[in-house]
Amino acid sequence: MPSPIFLDGRITIDPDLCNGRPTLRGKRIAVQTVLDFLGAGDSEADILEQYPSLEPDDIRACLRFATGLMDKHYEVVQIA
């Protein structure tokens, strides 16, 4: 069984937690959830109120994680 991967000290990827989706500090709060809130216009304060176990650095870690993903090379391939 693979062990969890820790990125940036805050992002955890554990195949046994949230179906292997990146989460914050091993909690059941997915990085995507935080990014969805930010994308919907919620403030950091709104997110911290909704998830009191999070810290401001968790939100910044989500943004760094997303930025790192966008730094990768992507190629569009027509399938059909």
N, C-alpha and C. Protein backbone atom coordinates (compact mmCIF):
# COMPACT_ATOMS: atom_id res chain seq x y z
N MET A 1 0.85 -1.17 0.00
CA MET A 1 0.00 0.00 0.00
C MET A 1 0.90 1.24 0.00
N PRO A 2 0.68 2.17 -0.95
CA PRO A 2 1.52 3.38 -1.00
C PRO A 2 1.30 4.27 0.22
N SER A 3 2.38 4.93 0.64
CA SER A 3 2.24 5.85 1.77
C SER A 3 1.86 7.23 1.28
N PRO A 4 1.34 8.05 2.18
CA PRO A 4 0.95 9.41 1.80
C PRO A 4 2.14 10.22 1.30
N ILE A 5 1.87 11.13 0.40
CA ILE A 5 2.88 12.06 -0.10
C ILE A 5 2.55 13.42 0.50
N PHE A 6 3.56 14.10 1.02
CA PHE A 6 3.36 15.42 1.61
C PHE A 6 4.05 16.45 0.73
N LEU A 7 3.29 17.44 0.28
CA LEU A 7 3.83 18.49 -0.57
C LEU A 7 3.71 19.81 0.18
N ASP A 8 4.74 20.60 0.15
CA ASP A 8 4.68 21.95 0.71
C ASP A 8 4.38 21.95 2.21
N GLY A 9 4.50 20.80 2.87
CA GLY A 9 4.23 20.72 4.29
C GLY A 9 2.76 20.81 4.65
N ARG A 10 1.90 21.08 3.69
CA ARG A 10 0.47 21.24 3.97
C ARG A 10 -0.42 20.39 3.07
N ILE A 11 0.01 20.14 1.86
CA ILE A 11 -0.80 19.36 0.92
C ILE A 11 -0.43 17.88 1.08
N THR A 12 -1.45 17.05 1.27
CA THR A 12 -1.25 15.62 1.44
C THR A 12 -1.98 14.88 0.32
N ILE A 13 -1.30 13.91 -0.26
CA ILE A 13 -1.96 13.02 -1.22
C ILE A 13 -1.85 11.61 -0.65
N ASP A 14 -2.99 11.10 -0.22
CA ASP A 14 -3.05 9.79 0.42
C ASP A 14 -4.13 8.98 -0.29
N PRO A 15 -3.74 7.84 -0.88
CA PRO A 15 -4.73 7.05 -1.62
C PRO A 15 -5.92 6.60 -0.76
N ASP A 16 -5.75 6.58 0.56
CA ASP A 16 -6.82 6.15 1.45
C ASP A 16 -7.68 7.30 1.97
N LEU A 17 -7.41 8.51 1.52
CA LEU A 17 -8.14 9.68 2.01
C LEU A 17 -8.73 10.44 0.83
N CYS A 18 -10.03 10.63 0.83
CA CYS A 18 -10.72 11.39 -0.24
C CYS A 18 -10.38 10.86 -1.64
N ASN A 19 -10.32 9.55 -1.76
CA ASN A 19 -10.04 8.90 -3.05
C ASN A 19 -8.73 9.35 -3.67
N GLY A 20 -7.75 9.69 -2.84
CA GLY A 20 -6.44 10.07 -3.35
C GLY A 20 -6.34 11.51 -3.83
N ARG A 21 -7.38 12.28 -3.63
CA ARG A 21 -7.33 13.69 -4.04
C ARG A 21 -6.46 14.47 -3.06
N PRO A 22 -5.78 15.50 -3.54
CA PRO A 22 -4.96 16.31 -2.63
C PRO A 22 -5.83 16.97 -1.55
N THR A 23 -5.39 16.83 -0.31
CA THR A 23 -6.10 17.40 0.83
C THR A 23 -5.14 18.28 1.64
N LEU A 24 -5.68 18.94 2.61
CA LEU A 24 -4.87 19.81 3.47
C LEU A 24 -4.53 19.10 4.78
N ARG A 25 -3.25 18.93 5.02
CA ARG A 25 -2.71 18.37 6.25
C ARG A 25 -3.40 17.09 6.69
N GLY A 26 -3.76 16.25 5.72
CA GLY A 26 -4.36 14.96 6.04
C GLY A 26 -5.79 15.04 6.53
N LYS A 27 -6.39 16.22 6.45
CA LYS A 27 -7.79 16.37 6.84
C LYS A 27 -8.66 16.00 5.63
N ARG A 28 -9.90 15.85 5.85
CA ARG A 28 -10.83 15.54 4.75
C ARG A 28 -11.34 16.82 4.08
N ILE A 29 -10.42 17.73 3.87
CA ILE A 29 -10.74 18.98 3.17
C ILE A 29 -9.86 19.01 1.92
N ALA A 30 -10.50 18.85 0.76
CA ALA A 30 -9.76 18.78 -0.50
C ALA A 30 -9.28 20.16 -0.94
N VAL A 31 -8.11 20.16 -1.56
CA VAL A 31 -7.57 21.39 -2.14
C VAL A 31 -8.58 21.99 -3.11
N GLN A 32 -9.22 21.14 -3.90
CA GLN A 32 -10.20 21.61 -4.87
C GLN A 32 -11.35 22.35 -4.19
N THR A 33 -11.75 21.91 -3.02
CA THR A 33 -12.83 22.58 -2.29
C THR A 33 -12.45 24.03 -2.00
N VAL A 34 -11.24 24.23 -1.49
CA VAL A 34 -10.78 25.58 -1.18
C VAL A 34 -10.70 26.41 -2.46
N LEU A 35 -10.17 25.83 -3.53
CA LEU A 35 -10.06 26.56 -4.80
C LEU A 35 -11.44 26.89 -5.36
N ASP A 36 -12.40 25.98 -5.19
CA ASP A 36 -13.77 26.26 -5.64
C ASP A 36 -14.36 27.46 -4.89
N PHE A 37 -14.14 27.52 -3.58
CA PHE A 37 -14.62 28.65 -2.80
C PHE A 37 -13.99 29.95 -3.29
N LEU A 38 -12.68 29.93 -3.48
CA LEU A 38 -11.99 31.13 -3.96
C LEU A 38 -12.50 31.54 -5.34
N GLY A 39 -12.70 30.56 -6.21
CA GLY A 39 -13.20 30.83 -7.55
C GLY A 39 -14.61 31.39 -7.55
N ALA A 40 -15.38 31.06 -6.53
CA ALA A 40 -16.75 31.56 -6.41
C ALA A 40 -16.79 32.95 -5.79
N GLY A 41 -15.61 33.46 -5.41
CA GLY A 41 -15.55 34.81 -4.86
C GLY A 41 -15.52 34.89 -3.35
N ASP A 42 -15.48 33.73 -2.69
CA ASP A 42 -15.41 33.75 -1.22
C ASP A 42 -14.03 34.26 -0.79
N SER A 43 -14.01 34.96 0.32
CA SER A 43 -12.76 35.49 0.85
C SER A 43 -12.06 34.43 1.71
N GLU A 44 -10.82 34.72 2.03
CA GLU A 44 -10.08 33.84 2.95
C GLU A 44 -10.82 33.73 4.27
N ALA A 45 -11.34 34.86 4.76
CA ALA A 45 -12.08 34.87 6.03
C ALA A 45 -13.33 33.98 5.94
N ASP A 46 -14.02 34.01 4.79
CA ASP A 46 -15.20 33.17 4.60
C ASP A 46 -14.83 31.69 4.72
N ILE A 47 -13.73 31.32 4.07
CA ILE A 47 -13.30 29.92 4.06
C ILE A 47 -12.88 29.48 5.46
N LEU A 48 -12.15 30.34 6.15
CA LEU A 48 -11.70 30.01 7.51
C LEU A 48 -12.87 29.90 8.48
N GLU A 49 -13.92 30.66 8.23
CA GLU A 49 -15.13 30.56 9.06
C GLU A 49 -15.84 29.24 8.80
N GLN A 50 -15.90 28.85 7.53
CA GLN A 50 -16.57 27.60 7.14
C GLN A 50 -15.77 26.38 7.61
N TYR A 51 -14.44 26.49 7.59
CA TYR A 51 -13.55 25.39 7.98
C TYR A 51 -12.60 25.88 9.07
N PRO A 52 -13.03 25.94 10.31
CA PRO A 52 -12.21 26.52 11.38
C PRO A 52 -10.91 25.77 11.66
N SER A 53 -10.78 24.54 11.18
CA SER A 53 -9.53 23.80 11.40
C SER A 53 -8.44 24.22 10.41
N LEU A 54 -8.81 25.01 9.39
CA LEU A 54 -7.81 25.50 8.43
C LEU A 54 -7.11 26.74 8.97
N GLU A 55 -5.96 27.01 8.37
CA GLU A 55 -5.16 28.19 8.70
C GLU A 55 -4.94 28.99 7.42
N PRO A 56 -4.65 30.27 7.53
CA PRO A 56 -4.40 31.07 6.33
C PRO A 56 -3.32 30.47 5.42
N ASP A 57 -2.30 29.86 6.01
CA ASP A 57 -1.24 29.24 5.20
C ASP A 57 -1.76 28.06 4.39
N ASP A 58 -2.83 27.41 4.85
CA ASP A 58 -3.44 26.32 4.07
C ASP A 58 -4.00 26.85 2.76
N ILE A 59 -4.66 27.99 2.83
CA ILE A 59 -5.25 28.58 1.63
C ILE A 59 -4.16 28.99 0.66
N ARG A 60 -3.10 29.58 1.16
CA ARG A 60 -1.98 29.96 0.29
C ARG A 60 -1.32 28.73 -0.32
N ALA A 61 -1.25 27.63 0.44
CA ALA A 61 -0.68 26.39 -0.09
C ALA A 61 -1.53 25.86 -1.25
N CYS A 62 -2.86 26.00 -1.16
CA CYS A 62 -3.74 25.58 -2.26
C CYS A 62 -3.45 26.39 -3.52
N LEU A 63 -3.25 27.68 -3.36
CA LEU A 63 -2.95 28.53 -4.51
C LEU A 63 -1.60 28.17 -5.11
N ARG A 64 -0.60 27.91 -4.28
CA ARG A 64 0.72 27.50 -4.79
C ARG A 64 0.62 26.16 -5.52
N PHE A 65 -0.18 25.25 -4.98
CA PHE A 65 -0.37 23.95 -5.59
C PHE A 65 -0.99 24.10 -6.99
N ALA A 66 -2.03 24.92 -7.09
CA ALA A 66 -2.69 25.15 -8.38
C ALA A 66 -1.73 25.83 -9.36
N THR A 67 -0.95 26.77 -8.88
CA THR A 67 0.02 27.45 -9.74
C THR A 67 1.05 26.46 -10.25
N GLY A 68 1.49 25.56 -9.39
CA GLY A 68 2.46 24.54 -9.80
C GLY A 68 1.90 23.63 -10.88
N LEU A 69 0.62 23.29 -10.78
CA LEU A 69 0.00 22.46 -11.81
C LEU A 69 -0.05 23.19 -13.15
N MET A 70 -0.32 24.48 -13.11
CA MET A 70 -0.42 25.26 -14.34
C MET A 70 0.95 25.47 -14.99
N ASP A 71 2.00 25.25 -14.24
CA ASP A 71 3.35 25.42 -14.75
C ASP A 71 3.79 24.24 -15.61
N LYS A 72 2.97 23.19 -15.67
CA LYS A 72 3.30 21.99 -16.44
C LYS A 72 2.98 22.22 -17.91
N HIS A 73 3.57 21.39 -18.76
CA HIS A 73 3.33 21.45 -20.20
C HIS A 73 2.09 20.62 -20.53
N TYR A 74 1.18 21.21 -21.28
CA TYR A 74 -0.04 20.51 -21.68
C TYR A 74 -0.12 20.46 -23.20
N GLU A 75 -0.66 19.39 -23.71
CA GLU A 75 -0.82 19.23 -25.14
C GLU A 75 -2.25 18.81 -25.42
N VAL A 76 -2.91 19.52 -26.33
CA VAL A 76 -4.29 19.22 -26.67
C VAL A 76 -4.28 18.23 -27.83
N VAL A 77 -4.97 17.12 -27.64
CA VAL A 77 -5.03 16.08 -28.65
C VAL A 77 -6.48 15.80 -28.95
N GLN A 78 -6.84 15.81 -30.24
CA GLN A 78 -8.21 15.49 -30.63
C GLN A 78 -8.37 13.99 -30.60
N ILE A 79 -9.41 13.51 -29.89
CA ILE A 79 -9.61 12.07 -29.72
C ILE A 79 -10.57 11.52 -30.77
N ALA A 80 -11.63 12.24 -31.04
CA ALA A 80 -12.62 11.70 -32.00
C ALA A 80 -12.78 12.62 -33.18
